[in-house]
Amino acid sequence: MNSNTLSFFGLIRRAGKLTIGCDPAVDSMKKGTAKLVVMVSDISKNTKKTVLKNAEEYGVHTIIVNCTKDELSYAVGKLAAVVSVDDVGFAGSLEKKLADDKEECQYDD
């Protein structure tokens, strides 16, 4: 993933529209505030299963990005393998950035 896209995660966090971590992201889905859930490529099987199950149940779009937990954690300033974007505008912009480099991500619908 390019550094511009990773920097965008930091911008979303500074705007207060990023929920960091598996359990907080699931809570965000349950509350209906999550618009997009992003997972890293080296996410554990159990965490991925939990996130995908809840995303399907609550109708939230998920993306697995081609970056590691360490890279995403550095970008958002906190240890993270899962984040949820809680704003429609930011979610759309992030999806567009990722779609520009389609090989950078894997869509799970």
C-alpha atoms as a PDB file:
ATOM      1  CA  MET A   1       0.000   0.000   0.000  1.00  0.00           C
ATOM      2  CA  ASN A   2       1.368   3.407  -0.827  1.00  0.00           C
ATOM      3  CA  SER A   3       2.271   5.935   1.850  1.00  0.00           C
ATOM      4  CA  ASN A   4      -0.393   8.383   0.652  1.00  0.00           C
ATOM      5  CA  THR A   5      -3.134   5.883   1.448  1.00  0.00           C
ATOM      6  CA  LEU A   6      -1.579   5.006   4.799  1.00  0.00           C
ATOM      7  CA  SER A   7      -1.387   8.715   5.633  1.00  0.00           C
ATOM      8  CA  PHE A   8      -5.094   8.987   4.864  1.00  0.00           C
ATOM      9  CA  PHE A   9      -5.791   6.569   7.741  1.00  0.00           C
ATOM     10  CA  GLY A  10      -4.025   9.027  10.046  1.00  0.00           C
ATOM     11  CA  LEU A  11      -6.155  11.872   8.721  1.00  0.00           C
ATOM     12  CA  ILE A  12      -9.336   9.896   9.369  1.00  0.00           C
ATOM     13  CA  ARG A  13      -8.167   9.192  12.913  1.00  0.00           C
ATOM     14  CA  ARG A  14      -7.364  12.845  13.590  1.00  0.00           C
ATOM     15  CA  ALA A  15     -10.873  13.700  12.376  1.00  0.00           C
ATOM     16  CA  GLY A  16     -12.256  11.317  15.003  1.00  0.00           C
ATOM     17  CA  LYS A  17     -13.890   9.034  12.461  1.00  0.00           C
ATOM     18  CA  LEU A  18     -11.734   5.923  12.868  1.00  0.00           C
ATOM     19  CA  THR A  19     -12.441   3.143  15.348  1.00  0.00           C
ATOM     20  CA  ILE A  20      -9.331   1.077  16.077  1.00  0.00           C
ATOM     21  CA  GLY A  21      -9.315  -2.593  17.094  1.00  0.00           C
ATOM     22  CA  CYS A  22     -11.472  -5.650  16.572  1.00  0.00           C
ATOM     23  CA  ASP A  23     -13.863  -5.309  19.507  1.00  0.00           C
ATOM     24  CA  PRO A  24     -14.370  -1.543  19.094  1.00  0.00           C
ATOM     25  CA  ALA A  25     -14.963  -2.048  15.347  1.00  0.00           C
ATOM     26  CA  VAL A  26     -17.557  -4.751  16.066  1.00  0.00           C
ATOM     27  CA  ASP A  27     -19.229  -2.393  18.559  1.00  0.00           C
ATOM     28  CA  SER A  28     -19.227   0.302  15.886  1.00  0.00           C
ATOM     29  CA  MET A  29     -20.949  -2.104  13.485  1.00  0.00           C
ATOM     30  CA  LYS A  30     -23.563  -2.978  16.107  1.00  0.00           C
ATOM     31  CA  LYS A  31     -24.270   0.717  16.750  1.00  0.00           C
ATOM     32  CA  GLY A  32     -24.604   1.318  13.020  1.00  0.00           C
ATOM     33  CA  THR A  33     -21.822   3.907  12.852  1.00  0.00           C
ATOM     34  CA  ALA A  34     -19.309   1.797  10.882  1.00  0.00           C
ATOM     35  CA  LYS A  35     -19.464   2.514   7.147  1.00  0.00           C
ATOM     36  CA  LEU A  36     -16.400   0.472   6.137  1.00  0.00           C
ATOM     37  CA  VAL A  37     -14.214  -2.058   7.951  1.00  0.00           C
ATOM     38  CA  VAL A  38     -10.583  -2.466   6.919  1.00  0.00           C
ATOM     39  CA  MET A  39      -8.447  -5.472   7.876  1.00  0.00           C
ATOM     40  CA  VAL A  40      -4.735  -6.051   7.271  1.00  0.00           C
ATOM     41  CA  SER A  41      -3.381  -8.934   5.227  1.00  0.00           C
ATOM     42  CA  ASP A  42      -1.725 -10.662   8.195  1.00  0.00           C
ATOM     43  CA  ILE A  43      -4.827 -10.680  10.395  1.00  0.00           C
ATOM     44  CA  SER A  44      -5.403 -13.822  12.462  1.00  0.00           C
ATOM     45  CA  LYS A  45      -7.982 -16.342  11.253  1.00  0.00           C
ATOM     46  CA  ASN A  46     -10.143 -15.997  14.365  1.00  0.00           C
ATOM     47  CA  THR A  47     -10.191 -12.194  14.228  1.00  0.00           C
ATOM     48  CA  LYS A  48     -10.991 -12.243  10.522  1.00  0.00           C
ATOM     49  CA  LYS A  49     -13.810 -14.736  11.116  1.00  0.00           C
ATOM     50  CA  THR A  50     -15.279 -12.571  13.892  1.00  0.00           C
ATOM     51  CA  VAL A  51     -15.130  -9.389  11.835  1.00  0.00           C
ATOM     52  CA  LEU A  52     -16.582 -10.959   8.681  1.00  0.00           C
ATOM     53  CA  LYS A  53     -19.414 -12.605  10.627  1.00  0.00           C
ATOM     54  CA  ASN A  54     -20.426  -9.307  12.218  1.00  0.00           C
ATOM     55  CA  ALA A  55     -19.953  -7.334   8.998  1.00  0.00           C
ATOM     56  CA  GLU A  56     -22.299  -9.701   7.191  1.00  0.00           C
ATOM     57  CA  GLU A  57     -24.836  -9.557  10.010  1.00  0.00           C
ATOM     58  CA  TYR A  58     -24.853  -5.747  10.127  1.00  0.00           C
ATOM     59  CA  GLY A  59     -24.383  -5.135   6.395  1.00  0.00           C
ATOM     60  CA  VAL A  60     -21.013  -3.378   6.578  1.00  0.00           C
ATOM     61  CA  HIS A  61     -18.599  -3.532   3.630  1.00  0.00           C
ATOM     62  CA  THR A  62     -15.157  -4.978   4.430  1.00  0.00           C
ATOM     63  CA  ILE A  63     -11.792  -4.694   2.718  1.00  0.00           C
ATOM     64  CA  ILE A  64      -8.573  -6.591   3.323  1.00  0.00           C
ATOM     65  CA  VAL A  65      -5.681  -4.290   2.427  1.00  0.00           C
ATOM     66  CA  ASN A  66      -2.242  -5.364   1.309  1.00  0.00           C
ATOM     67  CA  CYS A  67      -0.338  -4.074   4.317  1.00  0.00           C
ATOM     68  CA  THR A  68       0.801  -5.533   7.593  1.00  0.00           C
ATOM     69  CA  LYS A  69      -0.435  -4.918  11.102  1.00  0.00           C
ATOM     70  CA  ASP A  70       2.768  -2.995  11.812  1.00  0.00           C
ATOM     71  CA  GLU A  71       2.296  -0.688   8.811  1.00  0.00           C
ATOM     72  CA  LEU A  72      -1.314   0.134   9.683  1.00  0.00           C
ATOM     73  CA  SER A  73      -0.440   0.539  13.360  1.00  0.00           C
ATOM     74  CA  TYR A  74       2.275   3.045  12.478  1.00  0.00           C
ATOM     75  CA  ALA A  75      -0.146   4.985  10.272  1.00  0.00           C
ATOM     76  CA  VAL A  76      -2.857   5.284  12.938  1.00  0.00           C
ATOM     77  CA  GLY A  77      -0.544   5.574  15.944  1.00  0.00           C
ATOM     78  CA  LYS A  78      -1.963   2.572  17.783  1.00  0.00           C
ATOM     79  CA  LEU A  79      -1.671  -1.206  17.466  1.00  0.00           C
ATOM     80  CA  ALA A  80      -4.349  -2.274  14.991  1.00  0.00           C
ATOM     81  CA  ALA A  81      -5.230  -5.110  12.647  1.00  0.00           C
ATOM     82  CA  VAL A  82      -8.832  -3.937  12.177  1.00  0.00           C
ATOM     83  CA  VAL A  83     -10.238  -0.428  11.868  1.00  0.00           C
ATOM     84  CA  SER A  84     -13.663   0.873  11.014  1.00  0.00           C
ATOM     85  CA  VAL A  85     -14.301   4.114   9.189  1.00  0.00           C
ATOM     86  CA  ASP A  86     -17.299   5.817  10.767  1.00  0.00           C
ATOM     87  CA  ASP A  87     -17.997   8.472   8.146  1.00  0.00           C
ATOM     88  CA  VAL A  88     -19.577   7.994   4.721  1.00  0.00           C
ATOM     89  CA  GLY A  89     -17.364  10.589   3.022  1.00  0.00           C
ATOM     90  CA  PHE A  90     -14.120   9.209   4.409  1.00  0.00           C
ATOM     91  CA  ALA A  91     -15.227   5.638   3.642  1.00  0.00           C
ATOM     92  CA  GLY A  92     -15.964   6.549   0.022  1.00  0.00           C
ATOM     93  CA  SER A  93     -12.687   8.406  -0.386  1.00  0.00           C
ATOM     94  CA  LEU A  94     -10.704   5.547   1.113  1.00  0.00           C
ATOM     95  CA  GLU A  95     -12.410   2.997  -1.144  1.00  0.00           C
ATOM     96  CA  LYS A  96     -11.621   5.182  -4.153  1.00  0.00           C
ATOM     97  CA  LYS A  97      -7.950   5.432  -3.132  1.00  0.00           C
ATOM     98  CA  LEU A  98      -7.797   1.655  -2.732  1.00  0.00           C
ATOM     99  CA  ALA A  99      -9.633   1.015  -6.011  1.00  0.00           C
ATOM    100  CA  ASP A 100      -7.051   3.113  -7.865  1.00  0.00           C
ATOM    101  CA  ASP A 101      -4.544   0.406  -6.910  1.00  0.00           C
ATOM    102  CA  LYS A 102      -6.808  -2.612  -7.210  1.00  0.00           C
ATOM    103  CA  GLU A 103      -3.957  -5.038  -6.613  1.00  0.00           C
ATOM    104  CA  GLU A 104      -3.474  -3.350  -3.239  1.00  0.00           C
ATOM    105  CA  CYS A 105      -6.638  -4.740  -1.695  1.00  0.00           C
ATOM    106  CA  GLN A 106      -9.029  -7.639  -1.667  1.00  0.00           C
ATOM    107  CA  TYR A 107     -12.745  -6.967  -1.394  1.00  0.00           C
ATOM    108  CA  ASP A 108     -14.862  -9.261   0.760  1.00  0.00           C
ATOM    109  CA  ASP A 109     -18.584  -8.892   0.161  1.00  0.00           C
END
